[in-house]
């Protein structure tokens, strides 16, 4: 196929703040869920993984089961079960019990999260 560019599992993007490897970010106006593949300076191009299961920081009070939506609480930098004004980050890929401070999240494309 002449117009194929890449498989799309990883994209190069520039974000306004410095990030560290494994950090969750939201790319663009669509708030595309992604995880940094390395440490990148603010306003410098970096590689961000768009698919896969990642262990992310989570708010202790929330709980979820496999397949529940996981939301990103940008103000606190954690995954939560609370929708509210939080953007969808993906789906819980493992049970998340109350008091767990991490959650395993399957990142999904925006169309999967609609």
PDB file of N, CA and C in Angstrom:
ATOM      1  N   UNK A   1       0.848  -1.160   0.000  1.00  0.00           N
ATOM      2  CA  UNK A   1       0.000   0.000   0.000  1.00  0.00           C
ATOM      3  C   UNK A   1       0.905   1.238   0.000  1.00  0.00           C
ATOM      4  N   UNK A   2       0.736   2.090  -0.960  1.00  0.00           N
ATOM      5  CA  UNK A   2       1.626   3.227  -1.163  1.00  0.00           C
ATOM      6  C   UNK A   2       1.493   4.314  -0.100  1.00  0.00           C
ATOM      7  N   UNK A   3       0.339   4.447   0.523  1.00  0.00           N
ATOM      8  CA  UNK A   3       0.136   5.561   1.444  1.00  0.00           C
ATOM      9  C   UNK A   3       0.267   5.179   2.915  1.00  0.00           C
ATOM     10  N   UNK A   4       0.696   3.959   3.232  1.00  0.00           N
ATOM     11  CA  UNK A   4       0.874   3.542   4.622  1.00  0.00           C
ATOM     12  C   UNK A   4       2.068   4.266   5.223  1.00  0.00           C
ATOM     13  N   UNK A   5       1.897   4.832   6.404  1.00  0.00           N
ATOM     14  CA  UNK A   5       2.972   5.564   7.079  1.00  0.00           C
ATOM     15  C   UNK A   5       3.530   4.755   8.252  1.00  0.00           C
ATOM     16  N   UNK A   6       2.647   4.321   9.166  1.00  0.00           N
ATOM     17  CA  UNK A   6       3.070   3.574  10.348  1.00  0.00           C
ATOM     18  C   UNK A   6       1.864   2.869  10.941  1.00  0.00           C
ATOM     19  N   UNK A   7       2.114   1.983  11.916  1.00  0.00           N
ATOM     20  CA  UNK A   7       0.994   1.242  12.505  1.00  0.00           C
ATOM     21  C   UNK A   7       0.183   2.075  13.489  1.00  0.00           C
ATOM     22  N   UNK A   8       0.681   3.211  13.918  1.00  0.00           N
ATOM     23  CA  UNK A   8      -0.086   4.113  14.759  1.00  0.00           C
ATOM     24  C   UNK A   8      -0.119   3.762  16.232  1.00  0.00           C
ATOM     25  N   UNK A   9       0.673   2.801  16.661  1.00  0.00           N
ATOM     26  CA  UNK A   9       0.708   2.458  18.083  1.00  0.00           C
ATOM     27  C   UNK A   9       1.495   3.476  18.880  1.00  0.00           C
ATOM     28  N   UNK A  10       2.392   4.190  18.212  1.00  0.00           N
ATOM     29  CA  UNK A  10       3.203   5.230  18.821  1.00  0.00           C
ATOM     30  C   UNK A  10       3.195   6.438  17.896  1.00  0.00           C
ATOM     31  N   UNK A  11       3.054   7.633  18.479  1.00  0.00           N
ATOM     32  CA  UNK A  11       3.097   8.862  17.691  1.00  0.00           C
ATOM     33  C   UNK A  11       4.135   9.810  18.278  1.00  0.00           C
ATOM     34  N   UNK A  12       4.705  10.631  17.407  1.00  0.00           N
ATOM     35  CA  UNK A  12       5.591  11.696  17.852  1.00  0.00           C
ATOM     36  C   UNK A  12       4.737  12.932  18.086  1.00  0.00           C
ATOM     37  N   UNK A  13       4.892  13.538  19.253  1.00  0.00           N
ATOM     38  CA  UNK A  13       4.122  14.733  19.591  1.00  0.00           C
ATOM     39  C   UNK A  13       4.976  15.642  20.465  1.00  0.00           C
ATOM     40  N   UNK A  14       4.585  16.894  20.530  1.00  0.00           N
ATOM     41  CA  UNK A  14       5.235  17.878  21.390  1.00  0.00           C
ATOM     42  C   UNK A  14       4.220  18.351  22.411  1.00  0.00           C
ATOM     43  N   UNK A  15       4.562  18.270  23.690  1.00  0.00           N
ATOM     44  CA  UNK A  15       3.673  18.733  24.754  1.00  0.00           C
ATOM     45  C   UNK A  15       4.334  19.892  25.495  1.00  0.00           C
ATOM     46  N   UNK A  16       3.522  20.697  26.154  1.00  0.00           N
ATOM     47  CA  UNK A  16       4.000  21.937  26.779  1.00  0.00           C
ATOM     48  C   UNK A  16       4.833  21.722  28.040  1.00  0.00           C
ATOM     49  N   UNK A  17       4.622  20.605  28.724  1.00  0.00           N
ATOM     50  CA  UNK A  17       5.341  20.357  29.979  1.00  0.00           C
ATOM     51  C   UNK A  17       6.314  19.197  29.811  1.00  0.00           C
ATOM     52  N   UNK A  18       7.376  19.202  30.589  1.00  0.00           N
ATOM     53  CA  UNK A  18       8.315  18.080  30.591  1.00  0.00           C
ATOM     54  C   UNK A  18       7.600  16.834  31.096  1.00  0.00           C
ATOM     55  N   UNK A  19       7.959  15.682  30.553  1.00  0.00           N
ATOM     56  CA  UNK A  19       7.367  14.411  30.972  1.00  0.00           C
ATOM     57  C   UNK A  19       8.461  13.404  31.257  1.00  0.00           C
ATOM     58  N   UNK A  20       8.122  12.394  32.048  1.00  0.00           N
ATOM     59  CA  UNK A  20       9.051  11.304  32.337  1.00  0.00           C
ATOM     60  C   UNK A  20       8.501  10.017  31.748  1.00  0.00           C
ATOM     61  N   UNK A  21       9.378   9.090  31.507  1.00  0.00           N
ATOM     62  CA  UNK A  21       9.000   7.801  30.943  1.00  0.00           C
ATOM     63  C   UNK A  21       7.888   7.169  31.766  1.00  0.00           C
ATOM     64  N   UNK A  22       6.833   6.721  31.072  1.00  0.00           N
ATOM     65  CA  UNK A  22       5.710   6.075  31.739  1.00  0.00           C
ATOM     66  C   UNK A  22       4.622   7.024  32.196  1.00  0.00           C
ATOM     67  N   UNK A  23       4.825   8.313  31.992  1.00  0.00           N
ATOM     68  CA  UNK A  23       3.833   9.304  32.429  1.00  0.00           C
ATOM     69  C   UNK A  23       2.662   9.344  31.462  1.00  0.00           C
ATOM     70  N   UNK A  24       1.449   9.369  32.009  1.00  0.00           N
ATOM     71  CA  UNK A  24       0.234   9.508  31.215  1.00  0.00           C
ATOM     72  C   UNK A  24       0.092  10.950  30.760  1.00  0.00           C
ATOM     73  N   UNK A  25      -0.286  11.139  29.500  1.00  0.00           N
ATOM     74  CA  UNK A  25      -0.568  12.470  28.960  1.00  0.00           C
ATOM     75  C   UNK A  25      -1.811  12.391  28.090  1.00  0.00           C
ATOM     76  N   UNK A  26      -2.376  13.553  27.822  1.00  0.00           N
ATOM     77  CA  UNK A  26      -3.498  13.652  26.889  1.00  0.00           C
ATOM     78  C   UNK A  26      -3.042  14.547  25.752  1.00  0.00           C
ATOM     79  N   UNK A  27      -3.101  14.017  24.532  1.00  0.00           N
ATOM     80  CA  UNK A  27      -2.590  14.741  23.376  1.00  0.00           C
ATOM     81  C   UNK A  27      -3.705  15.484  22.652  1.00  0.00           C
ATOM     82  N   UNK A  28      -3.448  16.737  22.356  1.00  0.00           N
ATOM     83  CA  UNK A  28      -4.348  17.536  21.534  1.00  0.00           C
ATOM     84  C   UNK A  28      -5.698  17.831  22.150  1.00  0.00           C
ATOM     85  N   UNK A  29      -6.542  18.469  21.341  1.00  0.00           N
ATOM     86  CA  UNK A  29      -7.885  18.829  21.783  1.00  0.00           C
ATOM     87  C   UNK A  29      -8.768  17.619  22.046  1.00  0.00           C
ATOM     88  N   UNK A  30      -8.461  16.505  21.391  1.00  0.00           N
ATOM     89  CA  UNK A  30      -9.240  15.283  21.594  1.00  0.00           C
ATOM     90  C   UNK A  30      -8.883  14.594  22.903  1.00  0.00           C
ATOM     91  N   UNK A  31      -7.826  15.097  23.571  1.00  0.00           N
ATOM     92  CA  UNK A  31      -7.336  14.490  24.808  1.00  0.00           C
ATOM     93  C   UNK A  31      -7.029  13.001  24.589  1.00  0.00           C
ATOM     94  N   UNK A  32      -6.315  12.731  23.505  1.00  0.00           N
ATOM     95  CA  UNK A  32      -5.936  11.369  23.142  1.00  0.00           C
ATOM     96  C   UNK A  32      -5.071  10.764  24.239  1.00  0.00           C
ATOM     97  N   UNK A  33      -5.527   9.674  24.872  1.00  0.00           N
ATOM     98  CA  UNK A  33      -4.744   9.047  25.941  1.00  0.00           C
ATOM     99  C   UNK A  33      -3.442   8.470  25.396  1.00  0.00           C
ATOM    100  N   UNK A  34      -2.331   8.764  26.077  1.00  0.00           N
ATOM    101  CA  UNK A  34      -1.025   8.287  25.637  1.00  0.00           C
ATOM    102  C   UNK A  34      -0.088   8.199  26.837  1.00  0.00           C
ATOM    103  N   UNK A  35       0.988   7.425  26.662  1.00  0.00           N
ATOM    104  CA  UNK A  35       1.995   7.274  27.712  1.00  0.00           C
ATOM    105  C   UNK A  35       3.366   7.559  27.095  1.00  0.00           C
ATOM    106  N   UNK A  36       4.139   8.399  27.770  1.00  0.00           N
ATOM    107  CA  UNK A  36       5.472   8.769  27.287  1.00  0.00           C
ATOM    108  C   UNK A  36       6.387   7.548  27.289  1.00  0.00           C
ATOM    109  N   UNK A  37       7.137   7.376  26.204  1.00  0.00           N
ATOM    110  CA  UNK A  37       8.062   6.244  26.100  1.00  0.00           C
ATOM    111  C   UNK A  37       9.439   6.568  26.661  1.00  0.00           C
ATOM    112  N   UNK A  38       9.662   7.832  27.021  1.00  0.00           N
ATOM    113  CA  UNK A  38      10.938   8.255  27.579  1.00  0.00           C
ATOM    114  C   UNK A  38      10.770   9.577  28.291  1.00  0.00           C
ATOM    115  N   UNK A  39      11.883  10.142  28.736  1.00  0.00           N
ATOM    116  CA  UNK A  39      11.871  11.467  29.357  1.00  0.00           C
ATOM    117  C   UNK A  39      12.017  12.497  28.241  1.00  0.00           C
ATOM    118  N   UNK A  40      11.106  13.489  28.207  1.00  0.00           N
ATOM    119  CA  UNK A  40      11.142  14.507  27.164  1.00  0.00           C
ATOM    120  C   UNK A  40      10.992  15.886  27.789  1.00  0.00           C
ATOM    121  N   UNK A  41      11.784  16.834  27.321  1.00  0.00           N
ATOM    122  CA  UNK A  41      11.721  18.207  27.803  1.00  0.00           C
ATOM    123  C   UNK A  41      10.446  18.877  27.311  1.00  0.00           C
ATOM    124  N   UNK A  42      10.038  19.918  27.996  1.00  0.00           N
ATOM    125  CA  UNK A  42       8.885  20.706  27.563  1.00  0.00           C
ATOM    126  C   UNK A  42       9.128  21.236  26.154  1.00  0.00           C
ATOM    127  N   UNK A  43       8.079  21.215  25.347  1.00  0.00           N
ATOM    128  CA  UNK A  43       8.108  21.747  23.985  1.00  0.00           C
ATOM    129  C   UNK A  43       9.122  21.065  23.080  1.00  0.00           C
ATOM    130  N   UNK A  44       9.471  19.815  23.399  1.00  0.00           N
ATOM    131  CA  UNK A  44      10.375  19.023  22.562  1.00  0.00           C
ATOM    132  C   UNK A  44       9.616  17.801  22.054  1.00  0.00           C
ATOM    133  N   UNK A  45       9.873  17.371  20.831  1.00  0.00           N
ATOM    134  CA  UNK A  45       9.199  16.180  20.324  1.00  0.00           C
ATOM    135  C   UNK A  45       9.525  14.950  21.163  1.00  0.00           C
ATOM    136  N   UNK A  46       8.530  14.109  21.351  1.00  0.00           N
ATOM    137  CA  UNK A  46       8.714  12.861  22.082  1.00  0.00           C
ATOM    138  C   UNK A  46       7.834  11.787  21.490  1.00  0.00           C
ATOM    139  N   UNK A  47       8.080  10.558  21.878  1.00  0.00           N
ATOM    140  CA  UNK A  47       7.304   9.420  21.392  1.00  0.00           C
ATOM    141  C   UNK A  47       6.297   9.011  22.472  1.00  0.00           C
ATOM    142  N   UNK A  48       5.066   8.831  22.062  1.00  0.00           N
ATOM    143  CA  UNK A  48       3.982   8.509  22.991  1.00  0.00           C
ATOM    144  C   UNK A  48       3.227   7.279  22.501  1.00  0.00           C
ATOM    145  N   UNK A  49       3.097   6.321  23.392  1.00  0.00           N
ATOM    146  CA  UNK A  49       2.417   5.054  23.089  1.00  0.00           C
ATOM    147  C   UNK A  49       0.916   5.250  23.254  1.00  0.00           C
ATOM    148  N   UNK A  50       0.139   4.774  22.269  1.00  0.00           N
ATOM    149  CA  UNK A  50      -1.307   4.972  22.253  1.00  0.00           C
ATOM    150  C   UNK A  50      -2.113   3.742  22.622  1.00  0.00           C
ATOM    151  N   UNK A  51      -1.505   2.583  22.591  1.00  0.00           N
ATOM    152  CA  UNK A  51      -2.231   1.344  22.881  1.00  0.00           C
ATOM    153  C   UNK A  51      -1.440   0.502  23.866  1.00  0.00           C
ATOM    154  N   UNK A  52      -2.166  -0.324  24.583  1.00  0.00           N
ATOM    155  CA  UNK A  52      -1.530  -1.219  25.532  1.00  0.00           C
ATOM    156  C   UNK A  52      -2.120  -1.039  26.913  1.00  0.00           C
ATOM    157  N   UNK A  53      -1.659  -1.875  27.834  1.00  0.00           N
ATOM    158  CA  UNK A  53      -2.087  -1.804  29.232  1.00  0.00           C
ATOM    159  C   UNK A  53      -0.940  -1.201  30.027  1.00  0.00           C
ATOM    160  N   UNK A  54      -1.243  -0.174  30.819  1.00  0.00           N
ATOM    161  CA  UNK A  54      -0.243   0.524  31.602  1.00  0.00           C
ATOM    162  C   UNK A  54      -0.691   0.622  33.051  1.00  0.00           C
ATOM    163  N   UNK A  55       0.264   0.538  33.968  1.00  0.00           N
ATOM    164  CA  UNK A  55      -0.030   0.772  35.376  1.00  0.00           C
ATOM    165  C   UNK A  55       0.169   2.260  35.629  1.00  0.00           C
ATOM    166  N   UNK A  56      -0.912   2.912  36.086  1.00  0.00           N
ATOM    167  CA  UNK A  56      -0.920   4.355  36.266  1.00  0.00           C
ATOM    168  C   UNK A  56      -1.300   4.711  37.693  1.00  0.00           C
ATOM    169  N   UNK A  57      -0.903   5.897  38.152  1.00  0.00           N
ATOM    170  CA  UNK A  57      -1.317   6.329  39.490  1.00  0.00           C
ATOM    171  C   UNK A  57      -2.843   6.469  39.527  1.00  0.00           C
ATOM    172  N   UNK A  58      -3.435   6.097  40.655  1.00  0.00           N
ATOM    173  CA  UNK A  58      -4.896   6.131  40.774  1.00  0.00           C
ATOM    174  C   UNK A  58      -5.300   6.741  42.105  1.00  0.00           C
ATOM    175  N   UNK A  59      -6.512   7.302  42.126  1.00  0.00           N
ATOM    176  CA  UNK A  59      -7.008   7.833  43.392  1.00  0.00           C
ATOM    177  C   UNK A  59      -7.471   6.666  44.260  1.00  0.00           C
ATOM    178  N   UNK A  60      -7.087   6.695  45.513  1.00  0.00           N
ATOM    179  CA  UNK A  60      -7.377   5.594  46.432  1.00  0.00           C
ATOM    180  C   UNK A  60      -8.865   5.329  46.629  1.00  0.00           C
ATOM    181  N   UNK A  61      -9.743   6.342  46.709  1.00  0.00           N
ATOM    182  CA  UNK A  61     -11.148   6.060  47.015  1.00  0.00           C
ATOM    183  C   UNK A  61     -11.923   5.320  45.922  1.00  0.00           C
ATOM    184  N   UNK A  62     -11.470   5.392  44.663  1.00  0.00           N
ATOM    185  CA  UNK A  62     -12.273   4.789  43.599  1.00  0.00           C
ATOM    186  C   UNK A  62     -11.988   3.300  43.439  1.00  0.00           C
ATOM    187  N   UNK A  63     -12.956   2.617  42.850  1.00  0.00           N
ATOM    188  CA  UNK A  63     -12.835   1.187  42.565  1.00  0.00           C
ATOM    189  C   UNK A  63     -13.395   0.933  41.171  1.00  0.00           C
ATOM    190  N   UNK A  64     -12.942  -0.140  40.548  1.00  0.00           N
ATOM    191  CA  UNK A  64     -13.444  -0.494  39.229  1.00  0.00           C
ATOM    192  C   UNK A  64     -13.174  -1.952  38.932  1.00  0.00           C
ATOM    193  N   UNK A  65     -13.937  -2.482  37.996  1.00  0.00           N
ATOM    194  CA  UNK A  65     -13.749  -3.861  37.555  1.00  0.00           C
ATOM    195  C   UNK A  65     -13.286  -3.842  36.101  1.00  0.00           C
ATOM    196  N   UNK A  66     -12.779  -4.954  35.641  1.00  0.00           N
ATOM    197  CA  UNK A  66     -12.313  -5.065  34.265  1.00  0.00           C
ATOM    198  C   UNK A  66     -13.433  -4.654  33.315  1.00  0.00           C
ATOM    199  N   UNK A  67     -13.117  -3.729  32.427  1.00  0.00           N
ATOM    200  CA  UNK A  67     -14.079  -3.261  31.441  1.00  0.00           C
ATOM    201  C   UNK A  67     -14.779  -1.972  31.813  1.00  0.00           C
ATOM    202  N   UNK A  68     -14.690  -1.545  33.075  1.00  0.00           N
ATOM    203  CA  UNK A  68     -15.254  -0.245  33.462  1.00  0.00           C
ATOM    204  C   UNK A  68     -14.408   0.863  32.850  1.00  0.00           C
ATOM    205  N   UNK A  69     -15.048   1.997  32.554  1.00  0.00           N
ATOM    206  CA  UNK A  69     -14.295   3.149  32.080  1.00  0.00           C
ATOM    207  C   UNK A  69     -13.382   3.665  33.179  1.00  0.00           C
ATOM    208  N   UNK A  70     -12.187   4.061  32.797  1.00  0.00           N
ATOM    209  CA  UNK A  70     -11.237   4.734  33.679  1.00  0.00           C
ATOM    210  C   UNK A  70     -11.095   6.156  33.151  1.00  0.00           C
ATOM    211  N   UNK A  71     -11.156   7.125  34.026  1.00  0.00           N
ATOM    212  CA  UNK A  71     -11.089   8.533  33.659  1.00  0.00           C
ATOM    213  C   UNK A  71      -9.792   9.139  34.174  1.00  0.00           C
ATOM    214  N   UNK A  72      -9.356  10.219  33.531  1.00  0.00           N
ATOM    215  CA  UNK A  72      -8.144  10.895  33.962  1.00  0.00           C
ATOM    216  C   UNK A  72      -8.510  12.179  34.693  1.00  0.00           C
ATOM    217  N   UNK A  73      -8.135  12.250  35.952  1.00  0.00           N
ATOM    218  CA  UNK A  73      -8.312  13.435  36.777  1.00  0.00           C
ATOM    219  C   UNK A  73      -7.040  14.264  36.615  1.00  0.00           C
ATOM    220  N   UNK A  74      -7.061  15.189  35.665  1.00  0.00           N
ATOM    221  CA  UNK A  74      -5.866  15.969  35.339  1.00  0.00           C
ATOM    222  C   UNK A  74      -5.428  16.859  36.497  1.00  0.00           C
ATOM    223  N   UNK A  75      -6.366  17.342  37.280  1.00  0.00           N
ATOM    224  CA  UNK A  75      -6.021  18.225  38.400  1.00  0.00           C
ATOM    225  C   UNK A  75      -5.160  17.510  39.437  1.00  0.00           C
ATOM    226  N   UNK A  76      -5.419  16.218  39.631  1.00  0.00           N
ATOM    227  CA  UNK A  76      -4.680  15.444  40.632  1.00  0.00           C
ATOM    228  C   UNK A  76      -3.678  14.469  40.028  1.00  0.00           C
ATOM    229  N   UNK A  77      -3.685  14.340  38.697  1.00  0.00           N
ATOM    230  CA  UNK A  77      -2.736  13.458  38.022  1.00  0.00           C
ATOM    231  C   UNK A  77      -2.943  11.987  38.316  1.00  0.00           C
ATOM    232  N   UNK A  78      -4.229  11.555  38.387  1.00  0.00           N
ATOM    233  CA  UNK A  78      -4.534  10.168  38.710  1.00  0.00           C
ATOM    234  C   UNK A  78      -5.706   9.647  37.878  1.00  0.00           C
ATOM    235  N   UNK A  79      -5.757   8.337  37.750  1.00  0.00           N
ATOM    236  CA  UNK A  79      -6.904   7.653  37.174  1.00  0.00           C
ATOM    237  C   UNK A  79      -7.986   7.591  38.250  1.00  0.00           C
ATOM    238  N   UNK A  80      -9.227   7.722  37.820  1.00  0.00           N
ATOM    239  CA  UNK A  80     -10.345   7.665  38.744  1.00  0.00           C
ATOM    240  C   UNK A  80     -11.531   6.959  38.091  1.00  0.00           C
ATOM    241  N   UNK A  81     -12.462   6.532  38.901  1.00  0.00           N
ATOM    242  CA  UNK A  81     -13.706   5.949  38.399  1.00  0.00           C
ATOM    243  C   UNK A  81     -14.777   7.016  38.230  1.00  0.00           C
ATOM    244  N   UNK A  82     -14.481   8.234  38.621  1.00  0.00           N
ATOM    245  CA  UNK A  82     -15.442   9.332  38.577  1.00  0.00           C
ATOM    246  C   UNK A  82     -15.402  10.023  37.224  1.00  0.00           C
ATOM    247  N   UNK A  83     -16.536  10.048  36.536  1.00  0.00           N
ATOM    248  CA  UNK A  83     -16.609  10.702  35.230  1.00  0.00           C
ATOM    249  C   UNK A  83     -16.538  12.212  35.389  1.00  0.00           C
ATOM    250  N   UNK A  84     -17.579  12.837  35.882  1.00  0.00           N
ATOM    251  CA  UNK A  84     -17.613  14.284  36.077  1.00  0.00           C
ATOM    252  C   UNK A  84     -17.012  15.027  34.904  1.00  0.00           C
ATOM    253  N   UNK A  85     -16.086  15.923  35.173  1.00  0.00           N
ATOM    254  CA  UNK A  85     -15.409  16.699  34.134  1.00  0.00           C
ATOM    255  C   UNK A  85     -14.152  15.989  33.629  1.00  0.00           C
ATOM    256  N   UNK A  86     -13.894  14.786  34.129  1.00  0.00           N
ATOM    257  CA  UNK A  86     -12.688  14.048  33.748  1.00  0.00           C
ATOM    258  C   UNK A  86     -12.867  13.383  32.383  1.00  0.00           C
ATOM    259  N   UNK A  87     -11.798  13.372  31.592  1.00  0.00           N
ATOM    260  CA  UNK A  87     -11.822  12.739  30.273  1.00  0.00           C
ATOM    261  C   UNK A  87     -11.580  11.236  30.401  1.00  0.00           C
ATOM    262  N   UNK A  88     -12.180  10.458  29.517  1.00  0.00           N
ATOM    263  CA  UNK A  88     -11.942   9.018  29.515  1.00  0.00           C
ATOM    264  C   UNK A  88     -10.487   8.753  29.152  1.00  0.00           C
ATOM    265  N   UNK A  89      -9.867   7.863  29.923  1.00  0.00           N
ATOM    266  CA  UNK A  89      -8.481   7.477  29.679  1.00  0.00           C
ATOM    267  C   UNK A  89      -8.403   6.106  29.028  1.00  0.00           C
ATOM    268  N   UNK A  90      -9.374   5.268  29.304  1.00  0.00           N
ATOM    269  CA  UNK A  90      -9.381   3.907  28.783  1.00  0.00           C
ATOM    270  C   UNK A  90     -10.322   3.058  29.598  1.00  0.00           C
ATOM    271  N   UNK A  91      -9.960   1.796  29.728  1.00  0.00           N
ATOM    272  CA  UNK A  91     -10.775   0.823  30.458  1.00  0.00           C
ATOM    273  C   UNK A  91      -9.907   0.136  31.500  1.00  0.00           C
ATOM    274  N   UNK A  92     -10.490  -0.161  32.645  1.00  0.00           N
ATOM    275  CA  UNK A  92      -9.739  -0.925  33.639  1.00  0.00           C
ATOM    276  C   UNK A  92      -9.407  -2.289  33.049  1.00  0.00           C
ATOM    277  N   UNK A  93      -8.137  -2.659  33.111  1.00  0.00           N
ATOM    278  CA  UNK A  93      -7.677  -3.944  32.573  1.00  0.00           C
ATOM    279  C   UNK A  93      -7.488  -4.975  33.671  1.00  0.00           C
ATOM    280  N   UNK A  94      -7.646  -4.547  34.911  1.00  0.00           N
ATOM    281  CA  UNK A  94      -7.580  -5.420  36.085  1.00  0.00           C
ATOM    282  C   UNK A  94      -8.452  -4.765  37.150  1.00  0.00           C
ATOM    283  N   UNK A  95      -8.968  -5.547  38.089  1.00  0.00           N
ATOM    284  CA  UNK A  95      -9.771  -4.936  39.148  1.00  0.00           C
ATOM    285  C   UNK A  95      -8.965  -3.886  39.909  1.00  0.00           C
ATOM    286  N   UNK A  96      -9.637  -2.794  40.265  1.00  0.00           N
ATOM    287  CA  UNK A  96      -9.008  -1.722  41.053  1.00  0.00           C
ATOM    288  C   UNK A  96      -9.820  -1.600  42.335  1.00  0.00           C
ATOM    289  N   UNK A  97      -9.225  -1.982  43.444  1.00  0.00           N
ATOM    290  CA  UNK A  97      -9.916  -1.951  44.731  1.00  0.00           C
ATOM    291  C   UNK A  97      -9.731  -0.598  45.409  1.00  0.00           C
ATOM    292  N   UNK A  98     -10.665  -0.261  46.296  1.00  0.00           N
ATOM    293  CA  UNK A  98     -10.526   0.925  47.128  1.00  0.00           C
ATOM    294  C   UNK A  98      -9.191   0.812  47.872  1.00  0.00           C
ATOM    295  N   UNK A  99      -8.491   1.907  47.982  1.00  0.00           N
ATOM    296  CA  UNK A  99      -7.180   2.040  48.628  1.00  0.00           C
ATOM    297  C   UNK A  99      -6.007   1.649  47.736  1.00  0.00           C
ATOM    298  N   UNK A 100      -6.251   1.052  46.551  1.00  0.00           N
ATOM    299  CA  UNK A 100      -5.153   0.832  45.600  1.00  0.00           C
ATOM    300  C   UNK A 100      -4.736   2.194  45.064  1.00  0.00           C
ATOM    301  N   UNK A 101      -3.442   2.453  44.999  1.00  0.00           N
ATOM    302  CA  UNK A 101      -2.970   3.741  44.502  1.00  0.00           C
ATOM    303  C   UNK A 101      -2.436   3.649  43.075  1.00  0.00           C
ATOM    304  N   UNK A 102      -2.602   2.489  42.448  1.00  0.00           N
ATOM    305  CA  UNK A 102      -2.312   2.321  41.030  1.00  0.00           C
ATOM    306  C   UNK A 102      -3.463   1.558  40.396  1.00  0.00           C
ATOM    307  N   UNK A 103      -3.572   1.704  39.087  1.00  0.00           N
ATOM    308  CA  UNK A 103      -4.599   0.982  38.339  1.00  0.00           C
ATOM    309  C   UNK A 103      -4.012   0.558  37.006  1.00  0.00           C
ATOM    310  N   UNK A 104      -4.390  -0.610  36.552  1.00  0.00           N
ATOM    311  CA  UNK A 104      -3.986  -1.063  35.223  1.00  0.00           C
ATOM    312  C   UNK A 104      -5.078  -0.643  34.244  1.00  0.00           C
ATOM    313  N   UNK A 105      -4.656   0.142  33.250  1.00  0.00           N
ATOM    314  CA  UNK A 105      -5.602   0.744  32.309  1.00  0.00           C
ATOM    315  C   UNK A 105      -5.227   0.382  30.885  1.00  0.00           C
ATOM    316  N   UNK A 106      -6.208  -0.079  30.127  1.00  0.00           N
ATOM    317  CA  UNK A 106      -6.054  -0.335  28.699  1.00  0.00           C
ATOM    318  C   UNK A 106      -6.365   0.967  27.975  1.00  0.00           C
ATOM    319  N   UNK A 107      -5.339   1.570  27.352  1.00  0.00           N
ATOM    320  CA  UNK A 107      -5.583   2.780  26.599  1.00  0.00           C
ATOM    321  C   UNK A 107      -6.424   2.447  25.379  1.00  0.00           C
ATOM    322  N   UNK A 108      -7.305   3.349  25.016  1.00  0.00           N
ATOM    323  CA  UNK A 108      -8.204   3.136  23.890  1.00  0.00           C
ATOM    324  C   UNK A 108      -8.212   4.370  23.021  1.00  0.00           C
ATOM    325  N   UNK A 109      -8.551   4.191  21.747  1.00  0.00           N
ATOM    326  CA  UNK A 109      -8.674   5.334  20.852  1.00  0.00           C
ATOM    327  C   UNK A 109      -9.932   6.108  21.188  1.00  0.00           C
ATOM    328  N   UNK A 110     -10.006   7.382  20.811  1.00  0.00           N
ATOM    329  CA  UNK A 110     -11.198   8.177  21.107  1.00  0.00           C
ATOM    330  C   UNK A 110     -12.486   7.540  20.610  1.00  0.00           C
ATOM    331  N   UNK A 111     -12.444   6.883  19.444  1.00  0.00           N
ATOM    332  CA  UNK A 111     -13.664   6.243  18.944  1.00  0.00           C
ATOM    333  C   UNK A 111     -14.087   5.070  19.820  1.00  0.00           C
ATOM    334  N   UNK A 112     -13.128   4.385  20.427  1.00  0.00           N
ATOM    335  CA  UNK A 112     -13.441   3.287  21.346  1.00  0.00           C
ATOM    336  C   UNK A 112     -14.051   3.809  22.636  1.00  0.00           C
ATOM    337  N   UNK A 113     -13.734   5.046  22.972  1.00  0.00           N
ATOM    338  CA  UNK A 113     -14.175   5.625  24.228  1.00  0.00           C
ATOM    339  C   UNK A 113     -15.474   6.404  24.102  1.00  0.00           C
ATOM    340  N   UNK A 114     -16.018   6.495  22.911  1.00  0.00           N
ATOM    341  CA  UNK A 114     -17.242   7.301  22.693  1.00  0.00           C
ATOM    342  C   UNK A 114     -18.425   6.711  23.442  1.00  0.00           C
TER     343      UNK A 114
END
